[in-house]
Amino acid sequence: MKFTILGTGSATPITERRPSAALLDLGNESILLDCGEGTQFQMLKYKVRFSRIKYILITHLHGDHFFGLIALLNTLNNTGRTEPLVLIGPHGLQDIIGVQLRYSLSFLNYTIDYRTTNPGAFEEVFSNEKISISTIPLKHRIPCTGYLISEKPALRKILAERLPPDFPLPYFKMLKEGLDVEHEGKIYANAEYTLAPASPKKVAYCSDTIFDLGIASYVYQADLLYHESTFTKELSARAQMTFHSTAEQAASIAKAAQVKQLIIGHFSSRYKDTSAFLTEAREIFQNTYLSEEGKTFRV
């Protein structure tokens, strides 16, 4: 897994920052997390392969988190996409997309699998053989949902060079599944002919929210946590009034959840220099990093 920052800003635009967007690369598939205005240009700038976008997750319907969505959907269509797209987001998102397409006389040559989130529940909203996506309840001025993306356990890796050339194919599957097999009177012990897969990874994305220590229980021991930090602590009253968090509060959640690394972003436009965010957060949780557009974090 690789986590790339595409946008670091909040609602008020400034030339130095783009609105919220991040990309989780799963190898040959990618998940786009939020899609603020101009996200597709950020994707072009940082050489994101549009064809690998299989899922788009929208946290809430404030413009800095989804105003770039209709433009991206249209571009995917114009570049010849026919593969279905999973679009997960709040109630009303499907209606908004439908109105925009209808009044612009636009048509998509691919289908969208809409999944509507329940902002009050921690629940699985998508699952396949590779990943599970669950919603994280957040507390903002409008319904808002974070996401927990969890890898499914992989099969064991076969050490093919240790096996005979005529080893039956069905036995490969059994070894991968952790079983011992018998072939021509010999026991092939799973532990001797396979390697354990890497531990499944978990990535949590928590956008706009007032400080809520309860989030820690949902993101417990995540390999990477992205958490908004719109303000530094001297503006904690402002953060509470606007249902946002400070760097100190984001770090407190990371510490309580025992995550491996914390990425903070969604910086208010009033801050031209974001170094104070990092200093503040690292006083509580040392393994904290600032969102920087185009920067990739390995999970």
C-alpha atoms as a PDB file:
ATOM      1  CA  MET A   1       0.000   0.000   0.000  1.00  0.00           C
ATOM      2  CA  LYS A   2       1.061   3.566  -0.745  1.00  0.00           C
ATOM      3  CA  PHE A   3      -0.753   6.700   0.444  1.00  0.00           C
ATOM      4  CA  THR A   4      -0.287   9.853  -1.675  1.00  0.00           C
ATOM      5  CA  ILE A   5      -1.446  13.330  -0.737  1.00  0.00           C
ATOM      6  CA  LEU A   6      -3.151  15.259  -3.543  1.00  0.00           C
ATOM      7  CA  GLY A   7      -4.656  18.156  -1.562  1.00  0.00           C
ATOM      8  CA  THR A   8      -3.790  19.696   1.802  1.00  0.00           C
ATOM      9  CA  GLY A   9      -6.057  22.727   2.103  1.00  0.00           C
ATOM     10  CA  SER A  10      -9.407  23.438   3.703  1.00  0.00           C
ATOM     11  CA  ALA A  11     -12.472  25.352   2.512  1.00  0.00           C
ATOM     12  CA  THR A  12     -10.921  28.754   1.684  1.00  0.00           C
ATOM     13  CA  PRO A  13      -8.688  28.396  -1.380  1.00  0.00           C
ATOM     14  CA  ILE A  14      -5.128  29.668  -1.512  1.00  0.00           C
ATOM     15  CA  THR A  15      -2.640  29.288  -4.341  1.00  0.00           C
ATOM     16  CA  GLU A  16      -0.255  27.170  -2.268  1.00  0.00           C
ATOM     17  CA  ARG A  17      -2.748  24.388  -1.490  1.00  0.00           C
ATOM     18  CA  ARG A  18      -5.367  22.323  -3.270  1.00  0.00           C
ATOM     19  CA  PRO A  19      -8.558  21.094  -1.554  1.00  0.00           C
ATOM     20  CA  SER A  20      -8.857  17.679   0.087  1.00  0.00           C
ATOM     21  CA  ALA A  21      -7.912  14.557  -1.843  1.00  0.00           C
ATOM     22  CA  ALA A  22      -5.681  11.555  -1.249  1.00  0.00           C
ATOM     23  CA  LEU A  23      -4.894   8.352  -3.096  1.00  0.00           C
ATOM     24  CA  LEU A  24      -4.426   4.888  -1.617  1.00  0.00           C
ATOM     25  CA  ASP A  25      -2.532   2.661  -4.043  1.00  0.00           C
ATOM     26  CA  LEU A  26      -3.226  -1.055  -3.620  1.00  0.00           C
ATOM     27  CA  GLY A  27      -0.885  -2.191  -6.380  1.00  0.00           C
ATOM     28  CA  ASN A  28      -2.879  -2.502  -9.585  1.00  0.00           C
ATOM     29  CA  GLU A  29      -5.908  -0.743  -8.082  1.00  0.00           C
ATOM     30  CA  SER A  30      -6.340   2.631  -6.389  1.00  0.00           C
ATOM     31  CA  ILE A  31      -8.804   4.261  -4.013  1.00  0.00           C
ATOM     32  CA  LEU A  32      -9.446   8.008  -4.259  1.00  0.00           C
ATOM     33  CA  LEU A  33     -10.347   9.533  -0.903  1.00  0.00           C
ATOM     34  CA  ASP A  34     -12.297  12.778  -1.338  1.00  0.00           C
ATOM     35  CA  CYS A  35     -12.203  14.779  -4.555  1.00  0.00           C
ATOM     36  CA  GLY A  36     -11.935  18.518  -4.002  1.00  0.00           C
ATOM     37  CA  GLU A  37     -11.933  21.014  -6.839  1.00  0.00           C
ATOM     38  CA  GLY A  38      -9.130  20.373  -9.320  1.00  0.00           C
ATOM     39  CA  THR A  39      -8.280  16.890  -8.088  1.00  0.00           C
ATOM     40  CA  GLN A  40      -7.945  15.553 -11.627  1.00  0.00           C
ATOM     41  CA  PHE A  41      -5.254  18.153 -12.335  1.00  0.00           C
ATOM     42  CA  GLN A  42      -3.372  17.001  -9.239  1.00  0.00           C
ATOM     43  CA  MET A  43      -3.658  13.449 -10.507  1.00  0.00           C
ATOM     44  CA  LEU A  44      -2.137  14.514 -13.807  1.00  0.00           C
ATOM     45  CA  LYS A  45       0.596  16.487 -12.070  1.00  0.00           C
ATOM     46  CA  TYR A  46       1.640  13.547  -9.906  1.00  0.00           C
ATOM     47  CA  LYS A  47       1.218  10.954 -12.680  1.00  0.00           C
ATOM     48  CA  VAL A  48      -1.678   9.011 -11.168  1.00  0.00           C
ATOM     49  CA  ARG A  49      -3.023   6.411 -13.580  1.00  0.00           C
ATOM     50  CA  PHE A  50      -6.706   7.221 -14.016  1.00  0.00           C
ATOM     51  CA  SER A  51      -7.475   3.689 -15.154  1.00  0.00           C
ATOM     52  CA  ARG A  52      -6.433   2.277 -11.791  1.00  0.00           C
ATOM     53  CA  ILE A  53      -9.105   4.214  -9.885  1.00  0.00           C
ATOM     54  CA  LYS A  54     -11.563   1.501  -8.872  1.00  0.00           C
ATOM     55  CA  TYR A  55     -13.128   3.165  -5.829  1.00  0.00           C
ATOM     56  CA  ILE A  56     -13.920   6.765  -4.847  1.00  0.00           C
ATOM     57  CA  LEU A  57     -14.805   7.487  -1.217  1.00  0.00           C
ATOM     58  CA  ILE A  58     -16.419  10.825  -0.352  1.00  0.00           C
ATOM     59  CA  THR A  59     -16.589  11.802   3.308  1.00  0.00           C
ATOM     60  CA  HIS A  60     -19.200  14.570   3.193  1.00  0.00           C
ATOM     61  CA  LEU A  61     -20.854  17.161   0.988  1.00  0.00           C
ATOM     62  CA  HIS A  62     -18.835  20.265   1.802  1.00  0.00           C
ATOM     63  CA  GLY A  63     -17.489  21.506  -1.497  1.00  0.00           C
ATOM     64  CA  ASP A  64     -13.801  21.273  -0.692  1.00  0.00           C
ATOM     65  CA  HIS A  65     -14.271  17.497  -0.460  1.00  0.00           C
ATOM     66  CA  PHE A  66     -16.288  16.717  -3.605  1.00  0.00           C
ATOM     67  CA  PHE A  67     -16.534  19.650  -6.053  1.00  0.00           C
ATOM     68  CA  GLY A  68     -13.974  17.963  -8.308  1.00  0.00           C
ATOM     69  CA  LEU A  69     -15.967  14.752  -8.604  1.00  0.00           C
ATOM     70  CA  ILE A  70     -18.220  15.440 -11.606  1.00  0.00           C
ATOM     71  CA  ALA A  71     -15.232  16.696 -13.614  1.00  0.00           C
ATOM     72  CA  LEU A  72     -13.267  13.541 -12.831  1.00  0.00           C
ATOM     73  CA  LEU A  73     -16.192  11.249 -13.670  1.00  0.00           C
ATOM     74  CA  ASN A  74     -16.573  13.013 -17.008  1.00  0.00           C
ATOM     75  CA  THR A  75     -12.854  12.719 -17.751  1.00  0.00           C
ATOM     76  CA  LEU A  76     -12.919   9.000 -16.987  1.00  0.00           C
ATOM     77  CA  ASN A  77     -15.706   8.702 -19.530  1.00  0.00           C
ATOM     78  CA  ASN A  78     -13.866  10.781 -22.155  1.00  0.00           C
ATOM     79  CA  THR A  79     -10.778   8.591 -21.831  1.00  0.00           C
ATOM     80  CA  GLY A  80     -12.787   5.497 -22.737  1.00  0.00           C
ATOM     81  CA  ARG A  81     -13.591   3.921 -19.404  1.00  0.00           C
ATOM     82  CA  THR A  82     -16.073   1.066 -19.516  1.00  0.00           C
ATOM     83  CA  GLU A  83     -15.186  -0.652 -16.242  1.00  0.00           C
ATOM     84  CA  PRO A  84     -17.662  -0.104 -13.370  1.00  0.00           C
ATOM     85  CA  LEU A  85     -16.679   2.339 -10.612  1.00  0.00           C
ATOM     86  CA  VAL A  86     -17.553   1.970  -6.927  1.00  0.00           C
ATOM     87  CA  LEU A  87     -18.597   5.351  -5.497  1.00  0.00           C
ATOM     88  CA  ILE A  88     -19.173   5.477  -1.745  1.00  0.00           C
ATOM     89  CA  GLY A  89     -20.511   8.592  -0.060  1.00  0.00           C
ATOM     90  CA  PRO A  90     -23.298  10.305   1.874  1.00  0.00           C
ATOM     91  CA  HIS A  91     -26.997  10.414   1.117  1.00  0.00           C
ATOM     92  CA  GLY A  92     -27.668  12.891  -1.683  1.00  0.00           C
ATOM     93  CA  LEU A  93     -24.444  12.340  -3.607  1.00  0.00           C
ATOM     94  CA  GLN A  94     -26.111  10.135  -6.231  1.00  0.00           C
ATOM     95  CA  ASP A  95     -28.816  12.777  -6.763  1.00  0.00           C
ATOM     96  CA  ILE A  96     -26.210  15.521  -7.184  1.00  0.00           C
ATOM     97  CA  ILE A  97     -24.290  13.528  -9.783  1.00  0.00           C
ATOM     98  CA  GLY A  98     -27.519  12.658 -11.589  1.00  0.00           C
ATOM     99  CA  VAL A  99     -28.621  16.316 -11.820  1.00  0.00           C
ATOM    100  CA  GLN A 100     -25.240  17.420 -13.137  1.00  0.00           C
ATOM    101  CA  LEU A 101     -25.204  14.732 -15.792  1.00  0.00           C
ATOM    102  CA  ARG A 102     -28.802  15.332 -16.804  1.00  0.00           C
ATOM    103  CA  TYR A 103     -28.616  19.110 -17.223  1.00  0.00           C
ATOM    104  CA  SER A 104     -25.277  18.979 -19.020  1.00  0.00           C
ATOM    105  CA  LEU A 105     -26.635  16.306 -21.367  1.00  0.00           C
ATOM    106  CA  SER A 106     -23.724  14.097 -20.371  1.00  0.00           C
ATOM    107  CA  PHE A 107     -23.738  10.319 -20.410  1.00  0.00           C
ATOM    108  CA  LEU A 108     -21.338   7.845 -18.861  1.00  0.00           C
ATOM    109  CA  ASN A 109     -20.305   4.714 -20.733  1.00  0.00           C
ATOM    110  CA  TYR A 110     -19.538   2.955 -17.478  1.00  0.00           C
ATOM    111  CA  THR A 111     -21.763   2.125 -14.532  1.00  0.00           C
ATOM    112  CA  ILE A 112     -21.408   3.568 -11.051  1.00  0.00           C
ATOM    113  CA  ASP A 113     -22.012   1.251  -8.103  1.00  0.00           C
ATOM    114  CA  TYR A 114     -23.314   3.748  -5.530  1.00  0.00           C
ATOM    115  CA  ARG A 115     -22.955   2.852  -1.853  1.00  0.00           C
ATOM    116  CA  THR A 116     -24.619   5.223   0.640  1.00  0.00           C
ATOM    117  CA  THR A 117     -22.979   5.675   4.027  1.00  0.00           C
ATOM    118  CA  ASN A 118     -24.656   5.781   7.417  1.00  0.00           C
ATOM    119  CA  PRO A 119     -22.862   8.644   9.226  1.00  0.00           C
ATOM    120  CA  GLY A 120     -23.806   7.298  12.635  1.00  0.00           C
ATOM    121  CA  ALA A 121     -22.423   3.783  12.272  1.00  0.00           C
ATOM    122  CA  PHE A 122     -19.151   1.907  12.120  1.00  0.00           C
ATOM    123  CA  GLU A 123     -20.028  -0.687   9.529  1.00  0.00           C
ATOM    124  CA  GLU A 124     -18.668  -2.443   6.483  1.00  0.00           C
ATOM    125  CA  VAL A 125     -19.878  -0.762   3.304  1.00  0.00           C
ATOM    126  CA  PHE A 126     -17.831  -2.711   0.743  1.00  0.00           C
ATOM    127  CA  SER A 127     -15.945  -5.991   0.636  1.00  0.00           C
ATOM    128  CA  ASN A 128     -14.273  -8.205  -1.936  1.00  0.00           C
ATOM    129  CA  GLU A 129     -11.555 -10.864  -1.859  1.00  0.00           C
ATOM    130  CA  LYS A 130      -8.815  -8.251  -1.334  1.00  0.00           C
ATOM    131  CA  ILE A 131     -10.124  -5.450   0.879  1.00  0.00           C
ATOM    132  CA  SER A 132     -12.841  -4.387   3.272  1.00  0.00           C
ATOM    133  CA  ILE A 133     -14.025  -0.767   3.572  1.00  0.00           C
ATOM    134  CA  SER A 134     -15.789   0.327   6.754  1.00  0.00           C
ATOM    135  CA  THR A 135     -17.258   3.678   7.738  1.00  0.00           C
ATOM    136  CA  ILE A 136     -16.042   5.694  10.729  1.00  0.00           C
ATOM    137  CA  PRO A 137     -18.592   8.028  12.374  1.00  0.00           C
ATOM    138  CA  LEU A 138     -17.264  11.601  12.478  1.00  0.00           C
ATOM    139  CA  LYS A 139     -18.800  14.686  14.098  1.00  0.00           C
ATOM    140  CA  HIS A 140     -18.979  17.670  11.780  1.00  0.00           C
ATOM    141  CA  ARG A 141     -21.468  20.406  10.893  1.00  0.00           C
ATOM    142  CA  ILE A 142     -23.108  18.113   8.343  1.00  0.00           C
ATOM    143  CA  PRO A 143     -23.160  14.294   8.167  1.00  0.00           C
ATOM    144  CA  CYS A 144     -19.582  13.122   7.715  1.00  0.00           C
ATOM    145  CA  THR A 145     -17.953   9.717   7.491  1.00  0.00           C
ATOM    146  CA  GLY A 146     -14.358   8.573   7.709  1.00  0.00           C
ATOM    147  CA  TYR A 147     -13.142   5.321   6.225  1.00  0.00           C
ATOM    148  CA  LEU A 148     -11.121   2.327   7.365  1.00  0.00           C
ATOM    149  CA  ILE A 149      -9.598   0.311   4.527  1.00  0.00           C
ATOM    150  CA  SER A 150      -8.407  -3.120   5.641  1.00  0.00           C
ATOM    151  CA  GLU A 151      -6.555  -5.702   3.583  1.00  0.00           C
ATOM    152  CA  LYS A 152      -7.877  -9.241   3.660  1.00  0.00           C
ATOM    153  CA  PRO A 153      -5.341 -11.903   4.761  1.00  0.00           C
ATOM    154  CA  ALA A 154      -3.377 -13.135   1.754  1.00  0.00           C
ATOM    155  CA  LEU A 155      -2.631 -16.740   0.880  1.00  0.00           C
ATOM    156  CA  ARG A 156       0.741 -18.264   1.728  1.00  0.00           C
ATOM    157  CA  LYS A 157       3.519 -18.019  -0.869  1.00  0.00           C
ATOM    158  CA  ILE A 158       4.613 -21.265  -2.528  1.00  0.00           C
ATOM    159  CA  LEU A 159       8.335 -22.113  -2.592  1.00  0.00           C
ATOM    160  CA  ALA A 160       7.999 -23.714  -6.011  1.00  0.00           C
ATOM    161  CA  GLU A 161      11.688 -24.564  -6.333  1.00  0.00           C
ATOM    162  CA  ARG A 162      11.325 -27.059  -3.474  1.00  0.00           C
ATOM    163  CA  LEU A 163       8.490 -28.973  -5.115  1.00  0.00           C
ATOM    164  CA  PRO A 164       8.785 -31.672  -7.803  1.00  0.00           C
ATOM    165  CA  PRO A 165       8.093 -30.594 -11.415  1.00  0.00           C
ATOM    166  CA  ASP A 166       5.021 -32.806 -11.664  1.00  0.00           C
ATOM    167  CA  PHE A 167       3.450 -31.596  -8.417  1.00  0.00           C
ATOM    168  CA  PRO A 168      -0.370 -31.594  -8.965  1.00  0.00           C
ATOM    169  CA  LEU A 169      -1.943 -28.167  -9.362  1.00  0.00           C
ATOM    170  CA  PRO A 170      -4.764 -28.805  -6.828  1.00  0.00           C
ATOM    171  CA  TYR A 171      -2.120 -29.341  -4.152  1.00  0.00           C
ATOM    172  CA  PHE A 172      -0.664 -25.875  -4.765  1.00  0.00           C
ATOM    173  CA  LYS A 173      -3.995 -24.389  -3.710  1.00  0.00           C
ATOM    174  CA  MET A 174      -4.063 -26.545  -0.575  1.00  0.00           C
ATOM    175  CA  LEU A 175      -0.556 -25.474   0.408  1.00  0.00           C
ATOM    176  CA  LYS A 176      -1.446 -21.808  -0.174  1.00  0.00           C
ATOM    177  CA  GLU A 177      -4.401 -22.248   2.158  1.00  0.00           C
ATOM    178  CA  GLY A 178      -2.105 -23.526   4.922  1.00  0.00           C
ATOM    179  CA  LEU A 179      -2.739 -27.258   4.607  1.00  0.00           C
ATOM    180  CA  ASP A 180      -0.262 -30.148   4.514  1.00  0.00           C
ATOM    181  CA  VAL A 181      -0.628 -32.495   1.535  1.00  0.00           C
ATOM    182  CA  GLU A 182       0.364 -36.060   0.727  1.00  0.00           C
ATOM    183  CA  HIS A 183       1.661 -36.913  -2.747  1.00  0.00           C
ATOM    184  CA  GLU A 184       3.000 -40.307  -3.822  1.00  0.00           C
ATOM    185  CA  GLY A 185       3.503 -41.378  -0.229  1.00  0.00           C
ATOM    186  CA  LYS A 186       5.335 -38.245   0.876  1.00  0.00           C
ATOM    187  CA  ILE A 187       3.966 -35.623   3.265  1.00  0.00           C
ATOM    188  CA  TYR A 188       4.578 -32.058   2.087  1.00  0.00           C
ATOM    189  CA  ALA A 189       4.396 -30.009   5.270  1.00  0.00           C
ATOM    190  CA  ASN A 190       3.000 -26.529   4.679  1.00  0.00           C
ATOM    191  CA  ALA A 191       5.645 -24.907   6.881  1.00  0.00           C
ATOM    192  CA  GLU A 192       8.461 -26.316   4.724  1.00  0.00           C
ATOM    193  CA  TYR A 193       7.081 -25.439   1.297  1.00  0.00           C
ATOM    194  CA  THR A 194       5.442 -22.051   1.806  1.00  0.00           C
ATOM    195  CA  LEU A 195       6.140 -18.661   3.322  1.00  0.00           C
ATOM    196  CA  ALA A 196       3.690 -16.710   5.450  1.00  0.00           C
ATOM    197  CA  PRO A 197       2.221 -13.624   3.718  1.00  0.00           C
ATOM    198  CA  ALA A 198       2.810 -10.119   4.969  1.00  0.00           C
ATOM    199  CA  SER A 199       0.482  -8.995   7.742  1.00  0.00           C
ATOM    200  CA  PRO A 200      -2.687  -7.343   6.411  1.00  0.00           C
ATOM    201  CA  LYS A 201      -2.514  -3.532   6.507  1.00  0.00           C
ATOM    202  CA  LYS A 202      -5.078  -1.019   7.732  1.00  0.00           C
ATOM    203  CA  VAL A 203      -5.374   2.613   6.634  1.00  0.00           C
ATOM    204  CA  ALA A 204      -7.792   5.079   8.258  1.00  0.00           C
ATOM    205  CA  TYR A 205      -8.918   8.377   6.727  1.00  0.00           C
ATOM    206  CA  CYS A 206     -10.668  10.848   9.045  1.00  0.00           C
ATOM    207  CA  SER A 207     -11.557  14.134   7.419  1.00  0.00           C
ATOM    208  CA  ASP A 208     -13.513  17.001   8.982  1.00  0.00           C
ATOM    209  CA  THR A 209     -14.467  16.336  12.591  1.00  0.00           C
ATOM    210  CA  ILE A 210     -14.547  17.935  15.985  1.00  0.00           C
ATOM    211  CA  PHE A 211     -12.188  16.294  18.487  1.00  0.00           C
ATOM    212  CA  ASP A 212     -13.657  12.916  19.419  1.00  0.00           C
ATOM    213  CA  LEU A 213     -11.459  10.481  21.308  1.00  0.00           C
ATOM    214  CA  GLY A 214     -13.963   7.753  20.456  1.00  0.00           C
ATOM    215  CA  ILE A 215     -12.436   7.644  16.965  1.00  0.00           C
ATOM    216  CA  ALA A 216      -9.459   5.831  18.506  1.00  0.00           C
ATOM    217  CA  SER A 217     -11.491   2.662  18.995  1.00  0.00           C
ATOM    218  CA  TYR A 218     -12.326   2.507  15.274  1.00  0.00           C
ATOM    219  CA  VAL A 219      -8.760   3.055  14.049  1.00  0.00           C
ATOM    220  CA  TYR A 220      -6.993   1.007  16.732  1.00  0.00           C
ATOM    221  CA  GLN A 221      -3.513  -0.078  15.641  1.00  0.00           C
ATOM    222  CA  ALA A 222      -3.966   1.142  12.084  1.00  0.00           C
ATOM    223  CA  ASP A 223      -0.785   1.159  10.045  1.00  0.00           C
ATOM    224  CA  LEU A 224      -1.537   4.710   8.891  1.00  0.00           C
ATOM    225  CA  LEU A 225      -4.021   7.290  10.155  1.00  0.00           C
ATOM    226  CA  TYR A 226      -4.823  10.446   8.226  1.00  0.00           C
ATOM    227  CA  HIS A 227      -6.594  12.902  10.532  1.00  0.00           C
ATOM    228  CA  GLU A 228      -7.544  16.487   9.829  1.00  0.00           C
ATOM    229  CA  SER A 229      -5.859  19.246  11.812  1.00  0.00           C
ATOM    230  CA  THR A 230      -7.310  22.496  10.551  1.00  0.00           C
ATOM    231  CA  PHE A 231      -5.896  24.595  13.407  1.00  0.00           C
ATOM    232  CA  THR A 232      -3.114  24.669  15.972  1.00  0.00           C
ATOM    233  CA  LYS A 233      -3.985  24.602  19.653  1.00  0.00           C
ATOM    234  CA  GLU A 234      -4.105  28.368  20.253  1.00  0.00           C
ATOM    235  CA  LEU A 235      -7.260  28.304  18.109  1.00  0.00           C
ATOM    236  CA  SER A 236      -8.848  25.310  19.838  1.00  0.00           C
ATOM    237  CA  ALA A 237     -11.986  27.354  20.577  1.00  0.00           C
ATOM    238  CA  ARG A 238     -12.268  28.157  16.890  1.00  0.00           C
ATOM    239  CA  ALA A 239     -11.782  24.480  16.074  1.00  0.00           C
ATOM    240  CA  GLN A 240     -14.595  23.481  18.411  1.00  0.00           C
ATOM    241  CA  MET A 241     -16.932  26.162  17.061  1.00  0.00           C
ATOM    242  CA  THR A 242     -16.376  25.049  13.456  1.00  0.00           C
ATOM    243  CA  PHE A 243     -16.356  21.308  14.262  1.00  0.00           C
ATOM    244  CA  HIS A 244     -12.706  20.860  13.336  1.00  0.00           C
ATOM    245  CA  SER A 245      -9.623  19.546  15.158  1.00  0.00           C
ATOM    246  CA  THR A 246      -6.197  20.815  16.133  1.00  0.00           C
ATOM    247  CA  ALA A 247      -2.856  19.121  15.538  1.00  0.00           C
ATOM    248  CA  GLU A 248      -2.630  18.349  19.255  1.00  0.00           C
ATOM    249  CA  GLN A 249      -6.046  16.665  19.200  1.00  0.00           C
ATOM    250  CA  ALA A 250      -5.229  14.586  16.116  1.00  0.00           C
ATOM    251  CA  ALA A 251      -2.043  13.404  17.829  1.00  0.00           C
ATOM    252  CA  SER A 252      -4.003  12.501  20.968  1.00  0.00           C
ATOM    253  CA  ILE A 253      -6.218  10.193  18.908  1.00  0.00           C
ATOM    254  CA  ALA A 254      -3.183   8.613  17.223  1.00  0.00           C
ATOM    255  CA  LYS A 255      -1.577   7.980  20.602  1.00  0.00           C
ATOM    256  CA  ALA A 256      -4.730   6.505  22.131  1.00  0.00           C
ATOM    257  CA  ALA A 257      -5.258   4.293  19.078  1.00  0.00           C
ATOM    258  CA  GLN A 258      -1.629   3.110  19.031  1.00  0.00           C
ATOM    259  CA  VAL A 259      -1.387   3.658  15.278  1.00  0.00           C
ATOM    260  CA  LYS A 260       1.948   3.272  13.532  1.00  0.00           C
ATOM    261  CA  GLN A 261       2.022   6.645  11.789  1.00  0.00           C
ATOM    262  CA  LEU A 262      -0.099   9.786  11.684  1.00  0.00           C
ATOM    263  CA  ILE A 263      -0.532  12.129   8.721  1.00  0.00           C
ATOM    264  CA  ILE A 264      -2.118  15.510   9.446  1.00  0.00           C
ATOM    265  CA  GLY A 265      -3.632  17.858   6.877  1.00  0.00           C
ATOM    266  CA  HIS A 266      -6.619  20.056   5.895  1.00  0.00           C
ATOM    267  CA  PHE A 267      -4.768  23.165   7.043  1.00  0.00           C
ATOM    268  CA  SER A 268      -6.632  26.457   7.419  1.00  0.00           C
ATOM    269  CA  SER A 269      -5.714  29.110   4.867  1.00  0.00           C
ATOM    270  CA  ARG A 270      -4.647  31.448   7.680  1.00  0.00           C
ATOM    271  CA  TYR A 271      -1.454  29.396   8.106  1.00  0.00           C
ATOM    272  CA  LYS A 272       1.196  30.130   5.503  1.00  0.00           C
ATOM    273  CA  ASP A 273       3.768  28.028   7.381  1.00  0.00           C
ATOM    274  CA  THR A 274       2.637  24.631   8.673  1.00  0.00           C
ATOM    275  CA  SER A 275       5.730  23.750  10.728  1.00  0.00           C
ATOM    276  CA  ALA A 276       3.918  24.610  13.984  1.00  0.00           C
ATOM    277  CA  PHE A 277       1.430  21.810  13.275  1.00  0.00           C
ATOM    278  CA  LEU A 278       4.221  19.252  13.211  1.00  0.00           C
ATOM    279  CA  THR A 279       5.881  20.568  16.352  1.00  0.00           C
ATOM    280  CA  GLU A 280       2.596  20.542  18.242  1.00  0.00           C
ATOM    281  CA  ALA A 281       1.609  17.036  17.161  1.00  0.00           C
ATOM    282  CA  ARG A 282       5.018  15.462  17.797  1.00  0.00           C
ATOM    283  CA  GLU A 283       4.954  16.588  21.408  1.00  0.00           C
ATOM    284  CA  ILE A 284       2.232  13.944  21.838  1.00  0.00           C
ATOM    285  CA  PHE A 285       2.796  11.469  19.005  1.00  0.00           C
ATOM    286  CA  GLN A 286       6.315  11.392  17.619  1.00  0.00           C
ATOM    287  CA  ASN A 287       5.638   9.481  14.401  1.00  0.00           C
ATOM    288  CA  THR A 288       3.614  12.317  12.875  1.00  0.00           C
ATOM    289  CA  TYR A 289       4.102  13.749   9.380  1.00  0.00           C
ATOM    290  CA  LEU A 290       2.702  16.753   7.556  1.00  0.00           C
ATOM    291  CA  SER A 291       0.608  16.365   4.444  1.00  0.00           C
ATOM    292  CA  GLU A 292       2.574  17.648   1.468  1.00  0.00           C
ATOM    293  CA  GLU A 293       1.019  17.601  -1.966  1.00  0.00           C
ATOM    294  CA  GLY A 294       2.595  14.907  -4.092  1.00  0.00           C
ATOM    295  CA  LYS A 295       4.231  13.181  -1.133  1.00  0.00           C
ATOM    296  CA  THR A 296       3.800   9.402  -0.858  1.00  0.00           C
ATOM    297  CA  PHE A 297       3.861   7.464   2.405  1.00  0.00           C
ATOM    298  CA  ARG A 298       4.520   3.730   2.334  1.00  0.00           C
ATOM    299  CA  VAL A 299       2.249   1.638   4.528  1.00  0.00           C
END
